N, C-alpha and C. Protein backbone atom coordinates (compact mmCIF):
# COMPACT_ATOMS: atom_id res chain seq x y z
N UNK A 1 -61.90 -58.15 -14.36
CA UNK A 1 -60.43 -57.91 -14.18
C UNK A 1 -60.13 -56.69 -12.77
N UNK A 2 -59.22 -57.48 -12.41
CA UNK A 2 -58.34 -57.33 -10.99
C UNK A 2 -57.15 -56.48 -11.52
N UNK A 3 -57.04 -55.12 -11.08
CA UNK A 3 -55.47 -54.81 -11.03
C UNK A 3 -55.34 -54.32 -9.77
N UNK A 4 -54.10 -55.12 -9.26
CA UNK A 4 -53.87 -55.14 -7.82
C UNK A 4 -52.11 -54.29 -7.91
N UNK A 5 -52.25 -53.42 -7.18
CA UNK A 5 -50.88 -52.66 -7.13
C UNK A 5 -49.84 -52.97 -6.49
N UNK A 6 -48.39 -53.89 -6.52
CA UNK A 6 -47.32 -54.45 -5.99
C UNK A 6 -46.39 -53.34 -5.54
N UNK A 7 -46.12 -53.05 -5.16
CA UNK A 7 -44.49 -52.69 -4.19
C UNK A 7 -43.76 -52.86 -3.13
N UNK A 8 -44.85 -53.87 -2.22
CA UNK A 8 -44.14 -55.04 -1.19
C UNK A 8 -43.78 -54.00 -0.33
N UNK A 9 -44.98 -52.98 0.45
CA UNK A 9 -44.59 -52.01 1.73
C UNK A 9 -45.82 -51.45 1.67
N UNK A 10 -45.95 -50.84 2.70
CA UNK A 10 -47.40 -49.95 2.58
C UNK A 10 -46.45 -48.45 2.99
N UNK A 11 -46.22 -48.04 2.03
CA UNK A 11 -45.10 -47.06 1.25
C UNK A 11 -45.95 -45.23 2.37
N UNK A 12 -47.49 -45.69 2.05
CA UNK A 12 -48.16 -44.06 2.90
C UNK A 12 -47.64 -44.41 4.27
N UNK A 13 -47.58 -45.65 4.87
CA UNK A 13 -47.57 -46.04 6.37
C UNK A 13 -46.13 -44.89 6.39
N UNK A 14 -45.04 -45.66 6.02
CA UNK A 14 -43.59 -45.10 6.07
C UNK A 14 -43.32 -43.41 5.77
N UNK A 15 -44.56 -42.94 4.99
CA UNK A 15 -44.33 -41.72 4.81
C UNK A 15 -45.08 -41.19 6.31
N UNK A 16 -45.91 -41.17 6.52
CA UNK A 16 -46.18 -40.88 7.71
C UNK A 16 -45.27 -41.08 8.87
N UNK A 17 -44.18 -42.27 9.08
CA UNK A 17 -43.07 -42.74 10.11
C UNK A 17 -42.29 -41.27 9.74
N UNK A 18 -41.98 -41.10 8.50
CA UNK A 18 -40.50 -40.48 7.99
C UNK A 18 -41.34 -38.77 8.50
N UNK A 19 -42.49 -38.61 8.25
CA UNK A 19 -43.07 -37.14 8.67
C UNK A 19 -42.99 -36.79 10.16
N UNK A 20 -43.43 -38.11 10.70
CA UNK A 20 -43.19 -37.99 12.20
C UNK A 20 -42.15 -38.24 13.00
N UNK A 21 -40.78 -38.52 12.27
CA UNK A 21 -39.40 -38.70 12.47
C UNK A 21 -39.34 -40.57 13.53
N UNK A 22 -40.34 -41.06 13.08
CA UNK A 22 -40.13 -42.54 13.58
C UNK A 22 -39.76 -43.33 12.40
N UNK A 23 -38.98 -43.64 11.69
CA UNK A 23 -38.50 -44.18 11.03
C UNK A 23 -38.17 -45.75 11.29
N UNK A 24 -38.32 -47.07 10.95
CA UNK A 24 -37.74 -48.14 10.76
C UNK A 24 -39.35 -48.75 12.04
N UNK A 25 -40.55 -48.25 11.63
CA UNK A 25 -41.64 -48.93 11.99
C UNK A 25 -42.24 -50.33 11.64
N UNK A 26 -41.89 -51.52 12.63
CA UNK A 26 -42.25 -52.96 11.97
C UNK A 26 -43.51 -53.07 11.41
N UNK A 27 -43.35 -54.26 10.69
CA UNK A 27 -44.36 -54.56 10.20
C UNK A 27 -44.62 -53.60 8.37
N UNK A 28 -44.00 -52.47 8.05
CA UNK A 28 -44.50 -52.30 7.05
C UNK A 28 -43.66 -52.60 5.88
N UNK A 29 -43.24 -53.60 6.32
CA UNK A 29 -42.65 -53.98 4.32
C UNK A 29 -43.43 -55.69 4.45
N UNK A 30 -44.30 -55.68 3.67
CA UNK A 30 -45.08 -56.55 2.49
C UNK A 30 -43.96 -57.65 2.11
N UNK A 31 -43.51 -58.51 2.15
CA UNK A 31 -42.52 -59.04 1.05
C UNK A 31 -43.38 -60.55 0.49
N UNK A 32 -42.88 -60.92 -0.71
CA UNK A 32 -43.33 -62.60 -0.81
C UNK A 32 -44.93 -63.06 -1.15
N UNK A 33 -45.67 -62.00 -1.13
CA UNK A 33 -46.98 -62.26 -1.59
C UNK A 33 -46.92 -62.41 -2.77
N UNK A 34 -47.93 -63.98 -2.86
CA UNK A 34 -47.35 -64.39 -4.72
C UNK A 34 -48.91 -63.94 -4.79
N UNK A 35 -49.48 -62.66 -5.72
CA UNK A 35 -50.48 -62.22 -6.14
C UNK A 35 -50.91 -63.27 -7.11
N UNK A 36 -50.25 -63.29 -8.05
CA UNK A 36 -50.11 -64.04 -9.54
C UNK A 36 -50.66 -65.91 -9.29
N UNK A 37 -49.27 -65.94 -8.39
CA UNK A 37 -50.14 -67.37 -7.87
C UNK A 37 -51.01 -67.90 -7.19
N UNK A 38 -51.43 -66.88 -6.19
CA UNK A 38 -52.65 -66.65 -5.67
C UNK A 38 -53.68 -66.76 -6.40
N UNK A 39 -54.11 -66.26 -7.47
CA UNK A 39 -55.12 -65.54 -8.38
C UNK A 39 -54.89 -66.77 -9.51
N UNK A 40 -54.04 -67.40 -9.85
CA UNK A 40 -53.99 -68.57 -10.74
C UNK A 40 -54.58 -69.69 -9.88
N UNK A 41 -54.82 -70.10 -8.65
CA UNK A 41 -55.09 -71.05 -7.55
C UNK A 41 -56.60 -71.40 -7.97
N UNK A 42 -57.16 -69.89 -7.94
CA UNK A 42 -58.57 -69.63 -8.00
C UNK A 42 -59.16 -69.83 -9.54
N UNK A 43 -58.35 -69.98 -10.53
CA UNK A 43 -58.44 -70.38 -11.90
C UNK A 43 -58.76 -68.81 -13.06
N UNK A 44 -58.26 -68.13 -12.26
CA UNK A 44 -57.87 -66.29 -12.79
C UNK A 44 -56.91 -66.81 -13.85
N UNK A 45 -57.29 -65.75 -15.23
CA UNK A 45 -55.98 -65.68 -15.88
C UNK A 45 -55.18 -64.65 -15.23
N UNK A 46 -53.88 -64.57 -15.03
CA UNK A 46 -52.63 -63.31 -14.25
C UNK A 46 -51.73 -63.24 -15.65
N UNK A 47 -51.51 -62.48 -15.24
CA UNK A 47 -50.16 -61.71 -15.29
C UNK A 47 -49.54 -60.84 -14.61
N UNK A 48 -48.22 -60.30 -15.18
CA UNK A 48 -47.55 -58.92 -14.00
C UNK A 48 -47.10 -57.83 -14.98
N UNK A 49 -47.31 -57.03 -15.10
CA UNK A 49 -47.03 -55.78 -15.85
C UNK A 49 -45.99 -54.76 -15.08
N UNK A 50 -44.95 -54.93 -15.34
CA UNK A 50 -44.10 -53.85 -15.16
C UNK A 50 -43.69 -52.32 -14.90
N UNK A 51 -44.48 -52.36 -16.53
CA UNK A 51 -44.09 -51.04 -17.38
C UNK A 51 -46.08 -50.47 -17.24
N UNK A 52 -45.93 -49.26 -17.82
CA UNK A 52 -47.10 -48.61 -18.28
C UNK A 52 -47.89 -49.04 -19.18
N UNK A 53 -46.66 -49.12 -20.02
CA UNK A 53 -47.33 -49.61 -21.20
C UNK A 53 -47.94 -51.37 -21.20
N UNK A 54 -46.87 -51.93 -21.10
CA UNK A 54 -47.28 -53.41 -20.37
C UNK A 54 -48.91 -53.67 -19.67
N UNK A 55 -49.30 -52.73 -18.65
CA UNK A 55 -50.40 -52.68 -18.17
C UNK A 55 -51.34 -51.89 -18.84
N UNK A 56 -50.86 -51.20 -19.40
CA UNK A 56 -52.14 -50.81 -21.28
C UNK A 56 -52.16 -51.89 -22.06
N UNK A 57 -51.39 -52.91 -22.42
CA UNK A 57 -51.38 -54.09 -22.89
C UNK A 57 -52.02 -55.11 -22.43
N UNK A 58 -51.93 -55.22 -21.00
CA UNK A 58 -52.34 -56.63 -20.67
C UNK A 58 -54.11 -55.72 -20.48
N UNK A 59 -53.95 -55.06 -19.91
CA UNK A 59 -55.68 -54.37 -20.00
C UNK A 59 -56.39 -54.18 -20.59
N UNK A 60 -56.21 -54.32 -21.96
CA UNK A 60 -56.71 -54.28 -23.11
C UNK A 60 -56.96 -55.24 -23.86
N UNK A 61 -56.15 -56.91 -23.53
CA UNK A 61 -56.24 -58.10 -23.86
C UNK A 61 -57.14 -58.59 -22.52
N UNK A 62 -57.06 -58.06 -21.33
CA UNK A 62 -57.93 -58.43 -20.47
C UNK A 62 -59.70 -58.58 -20.57
N UNK A 63 -59.51 -57.05 -21.17
CA UNK A 63 -61.04 -56.50 -21.71
C UNK A 63 -62.01 -57.92 -23.29
N UNK A 64 -60.67 -57.97 -23.47
CA UNK A 64 -61.14 -59.00 -25.03
C UNK A 64 -61.56 -60.36 -24.35
N UNK A 65 -60.69 -60.51 -23.24
CA UNK A 65 -60.70 -62.73 -23.07
C UNK A 65 -62.32 -62.63 -21.84
N UNK A 66 -62.99 -63.29 -21.99
CA UNK A 66 -63.85 -64.25 -21.19
C UNK A 66 -63.06 -64.79 -19.83
N UNK A 67 -64.05 -64.52 -18.62
CA UNK A 67 -63.05 -64.98 -17.51
C UNK A 67 -62.89 -64.03 -16.81
N UNK A 68 -62.20 -64.42 -15.31
CA UNK A 68 -61.44 -63.48 -14.57
C UNK A 68 -60.16 -63.35 -14.79
N UNK A 69 -59.63 -62.39 -14.67
CA UNK A 69 -57.96 -61.55 -14.66
C UNK A 69 -57.66 -60.79 -13.58
N UNK A 70 -56.53 -61.62 -13.87
CA UNK A 70 -55.77 -60.16 -12.14
C UNK A 70 -54.64 -59.84 -13.27
N UNK A 71 -54.22 -58.71 -12.89
CA UNK A 71 -53.30 -57.83 -13.11
C UNK A 71 -52.79 -57.73 -11.91
N UNK A 72 -51.19 -58.32 -11.99
CA UNK A 72 -50.00 -57.70 -11.01
C UNK A 72 -49.68 -56.58 -11.40
N UNK A 73 -49.61 -55.45 -11.28
CA UNK A 73 -49.01 -53.93 -11.43
C UNK A 73 -47.78 -53.74 -10.57
N UNK A 74 -46.52 -53.49 -11.08
CA UNK A 74 -45.77 -53.22 -9.93
C UNK A 74 -45.78 -51.76 -10.07
N UNK A 75 -45.58 -51.05 -9.16
CA UNK A 75 -45.96 -49.63 -8.90
C UNK A 75 -44.25 -49.04 -7.95
N UNK A 76 -43.64 -48.12 -8.21
CA UNK A 76 -43.10 -47.69 -7.73
C UNK A 76 -43.15 -47.58 -5.77
N UNK A 77 -41.89 -48.30 -5.38
CA UNK A 77 -41.76 -48.20 -4.33
C UNK A 77 -40.83 -46.54 -3.45
N UNK A 78 -41.13 -45.58 -4.30
CA UNK A 78 -40.71 -44.73 -3.78
C UNK A 78 -40.93 -44.19 -2.57
N UNK A 79 -40.95 -43.78 -1.39
CA UNK A 79 -41.82 -42.74 -0.71
C UNK A 79 -42.63 -41.95 -0.41
N UNK A 80 -43.60 -41.19 -0.41
CA UNK A 80 -43.83 -39.82 -1.65
C UNK A 80 -43.98 -39.02 -0.11
N UNK A 81 -43.69 -37.66 -0.26
CA UNK A 81 -43.04 -37.10 0.87
C UNK A 81 -44.84 -36.01 0.12
N UNK A 82 -45.30 -36.20 2.39
CA UNK A 82 -46.79 -36.00 2.33
C UNK A 82 -46.85 -34.40 2.68
N UNK A 83 -45.85 -33.68 2.55
CA UNK A 83 -46.06 -31.93 2.85
C UNK A 83 -45.21 -31.25 1.73
């Protein structure tokens, strides 16, 4: 089982840019990567968890199944403060 955190951006690098007062750094948004589509193309069972409860349920299910499973876990896109 593989759990892939999905927030479609490099939030930690955005946090550094904010700290260094250099907002708008290009290339920090990583949009439209279809994690579940890629995993399915390789024959993996796939799912997408939008909440912690969904993630918990999907992890339990993945542990009961044979074969590879990829869970795309949506995470909070908020930029964390570094200090």
